[in-house]
Amino acid sequence: MEAVAKLRNVPTSPRKMRLVANLVRGQKVTRALGLLKFEANSGAPKIEKLLLSALANWQLKNEDERIEDANLYIKEIFVDEGRMLKRLRPAPQGRGHRIRKRSNHVTLIIDSKVEPLGSKAAAQQAAETKGTEASADAAPKKTSRRSSTKKSTETKAEATA
């Protein structure tokens, strides 16, 4: 189940905020929090706080689940332009240059990632949650990889014998 958090009228240029948003898009929540904590960009602390808010919203919706077991990731994050404050800056010869103070709106959606059945990640996730070895045995067995040239020479040798 997904959870949404919105941050409105952030007094930062949308272009600067999109740099940080692109950094965490599609990442797991724990990894994204680690990235944002040490990111030098000015928008990182604001998106980090927004991500924590989205986690709290998810926790309210899913009170019976633990955050650690949910395999949460950032499903969507997008930055829209907000209001633009227009100011005048004095310029030479009595003129004025327009200064545009931009703002933005950030929307963040987190969701729990469900692995497709039969994949290694699904088997690993099931083994972690159940804690039994029975689910690990259900994982598909690895087959040896051979190049097509080896296979063809082996089949020719078998055919001649």
Protein backbone atom coordinates (compact mmCIF):
# COMPACT_ATOMS: atom_id res chain seq x y z
CA MET A 1 0.00 0.00 0.00
CA GLU A 2 1.37 3.38 -0.89
CA ALA A 3 1.67 6.57 1.11
CA VAL A 4 1.89 10.16 -0.15
CA ALA A 5 3.57 13.23 1.30
CA LYS A 6 3.59 16.72 -0.22
CA LEU A 7 5.79 19.71 0.44
CA ARG A 8 4.41 22.99 -0.85
CA ASN A 9 5.94 26.41 -1.52
CA VAL A 10 9.57 25.47 -0.88
CA PRO A 11 11.64 28.63 -1.51
CA THR A 12 14.16 26.86 -3.74
CA SER A 13 14.48 26.76 -7.50
CA PRO A 14 12.70 23.71 -8.97
CA ARG A 15 15.78 22.96 -11.05
CA LYS A 16 17.93 22.62 -7.92
CA MET A 17 15.32 20.48 -6.18
CA ARG A 18 14.99 18.14 -9.19
CA LEU A 19 18.70 17.31 -8.89
CA VAL A 20 18.06 15.86 -5.44
CA ALA A 21 14.79 14.21 -6.49
CA ASN A 22 16.54 12.40 -9.35
CA LEU A 23 19.14 11.14 -6.90
CA VAL A 24 16.61 9.20 -4.80
CA ARG A 25 13.97 8.25 -7.38
CA GLY A 26 13.37 4.48 -7.35
CA GLN A 27 15.72 3.84 -4.40
CA LYS A 28 14.87 1.86 -1.29
CA VAL A 29 13.81 4.12 1.57
CA THR A 30 16.73 3.21 3.84
CA ARG A 31 19.25 3.87 1.06
CA ALA A 32 17.55 7.14 0.13
CA LEU A 33 17.71 8.36 3.73
CA GLY A 34 21.42 7.58 3.82
CA LEU A 35 22.02 9.43 0.55
CA LEU A 36 20.05 12.48 1.64
CA LYS A 37 21.76 12.68 5.02
CA PHE A 38 25.17 13.27 3.43
CA GLU A 39 24.12 15.17 0.30
CA ALA A 40 25.53 18.70 0.14
CA ASN A 41 22.71 20.15 -1.98
CA SER A 42 20.42 22.62 -0.19
CA GLY A 43 17.26 20.65 -1.08
CA ALA A 44 18.43 17.40 0.53
CA PRO A 45 17.35 18.16 4.14
CA LYS A 46 13.90 19.20 2.92
CA ILE A 47 13.39 16.02 0.89
CA GLU A 48 14.76 13.95 3.78
CA LYS A 49 12.15 15.47 6.09
CA LEU A 50 9.47 14.84 3.44
CA LEU A 51 10.55 11.20 3.16
CA LEU A 52 10.27 10.78 6.93
CA SER A 53 6.78 12.29 6.73
CA ALA A 54 5.83 9.79 4.00
CA LEU A 55 7.12 6.98 6.23
CA ALA A 56 4.92 8.23 9.09
CA ASN A 57 1.92 8.37 6.72
CA TRP A 58 2.63 4.79 5.58
CA GLN A 59 2.88 3.67 9.21
CA LEU A 60 -0.54 5.17 9.96
CA LYS A 61 -2.10 3.24 7.08
CA ASN A 62 -0.34 -0.03 7.94
CA GLU A 63 -0.26 -0.23 11.73
CA ASP A 64 0.09 -4.02 11.79
CA GLU A 65 3.24 -4.11 9.59
CA ARG A 66 6.82 -3.22 10.45
CA ILE A 67 8.69 -0.73 8.27
CA GLU A 68 11.78 -2.99 8.17
CA ASP A 69 9.79 -5.93 6.75
CA ALA A 70 7.78 -3.92 4.21
CA ASN A 71 10.57 -3.49 1.59
CA LEU A 72 9.62 0.15 0.97
CA TYR A 73 10.92 2.11 -1.99
CA ILE A 74 10.31 5.54 -3.53
CA LYS A 75 7.72 4.85 -6.19
CA GLU A 76 7.35 8.41 -7.46
CA ILE A 77 8.89 11.76 -6.69
CA PHE A 78 8.28 14.84 -8.75
CA VAL A 79 8.95 18.54 -8.42
CA ASP A 80 6.52 21.13 -9.82
CA GLU A 81 6.94 24.87 -10.09
CA GLY A 82 5.30 26.91 -7.37
CA ARG A 83 4.64 30.62 -7.06
CA MET A 84 7.16 33.00 -8.50
CA LEU A 85 7.80 36.20 -6.56
CA LYS A 86 8.86 39.03 -8.84
CA ARG A 87 11.19 41.68 -7.48
CA LEU A 88 13.04 44.61 -9.01
CA ARG A 89 16.75 45.11 -8.65
CA PRO A 90 18.23 48.53 -9.37
CA ALA A 91 20.24 48.63 -12.59
CA PRO A 92 22.40 51.34 -14.23
CA GLN A 93 20.87 54.49 -15.75
CA GLY A 94 17.68 54.37 -13.70
CA ARG A 95 16.46 51.05 -14.99
CA GLY A 96 15.35 48.02 -13.00
CA HIS A 97 16.04 44.36 -13.69
CA ARG A 98 13.44 41.80 -12.77
CA ILE A 99 14.45 39.14 -10.24
CA ARG A 100 12.34 35.99 -10.21
CA LYS A 101 12.35 34.22 -6.85
CA ARG A 102 11.16 30.75 -7.67
CA SER A 103 9.53 28.18 -5.41
CA ASN A 104 8.41 24.59 -5.91
CA HIS A 105 6.10 21.83 -4.77
CA VAL A 106 7.48 18.33 -4.11
CA THR A 107 5.29 15.20 -4.12
CA LEU A 108 6.69 11.92 -2.82
CA ILE A 109 5.00 8.51 -3.03
CA ILE A 110 6.42 5.44 -1.30
CA ASP A 111 5.20 1.89 -1.76
CA SER A 112 6.12 -1.61 -0.68
CA LYS A 113 7.86 -3.58 -3.42
CA VAL A 114 6.39 -7.00 -4.02
CA GLU A 115 8.77 -9.32 -5.84
CA PRO A 116 7.34 -11.61 -8.55
CA LEU A 117 6.90 -15.22 -7.49
CA GLY A 118 9.77 -17.52 -8.37
CA SER A 119 12.46 -14.84 -8.35
CA LYS A 120 15.53 -15.01 -6.15
CA ALA A 121 14.57 -11.80 -4.35
CA ALA A 122 11.12 -13.20 -3.53
CA ALA A 123 12.65 -16.37 -2.13
CA GLN A 124 15.13 -14.37 -0.08
CA GLN A 125 12.39 -12.08 1.22
CA ALA A 126 10.25 -15.08 2.18
CA ALA A 127 13.21 -16.68 3.96
CA GLU A 128 13.82 -13.50 5.95
CA THR A 129 10.21 -13.10 7.03
CA LYS A 130 9.54 -16.76 7.88
CA GLY A 131 12.98 -17.58 9.20
CA THR A 132 12.72 -21.18 7.99
CA GLU A 133 14.88 -23.02 5.50
CA ALA A 134 11.91 -24.56 3.71
CA SER A 135 11.33 -21.48 1.59
CA ALA A 136 15.03 -21.30 0.65
CA ASP A 137 14.79 -24.83 -0.79
CA ALA A 138 11.91 -23.69 -3.01
CA ALA A 139 14.22 -21.27 -4.82
CA PRO A 140 15.11 -22.34 -8.36
CA LYS A 141 18.36 -24.29 -8.62
CA LYS A 142 21.22 -22.84 -10.60
CA THR A 143 22.22 -24.62 -13.74
CA SER A 144 25.73 -24.53 -15.08
CA ARG A 145 26.27 -22.05 -17.85
CA ARG A 146 27.89 -23.36 -20.99
CA SER A 147 28.56 -21.54 -24.16
CA SER A 148 26.69 -22.68 -27.25
CA THR A 149 29.92 -23.86 -28.92
CA LYS A 150 30.64 -26.32 -26.10
CA LYS A 151 27.10 -27.67 -26.26
CA SER A 152 27.25 -28.15 -30.01
CA THR A 153 30.61 -29.99 -29.89
CA GLU A 154 29.36 -32.26 -27.11
CA THR A 155 26.20 -33.15 -29.04
CA LYS A 156 28.24 -33.88 -32.19
CA ALA A 157 30.57 -36.15 -30.23
CA GLU A 158 27.61 -38.02 -28.76
CA ALA A 159 26.02 -38.38 -32.20
CA THR A 160 29.15 -39.94 -33.74
CA ALA A 161 29.66 -42.39 -30.86
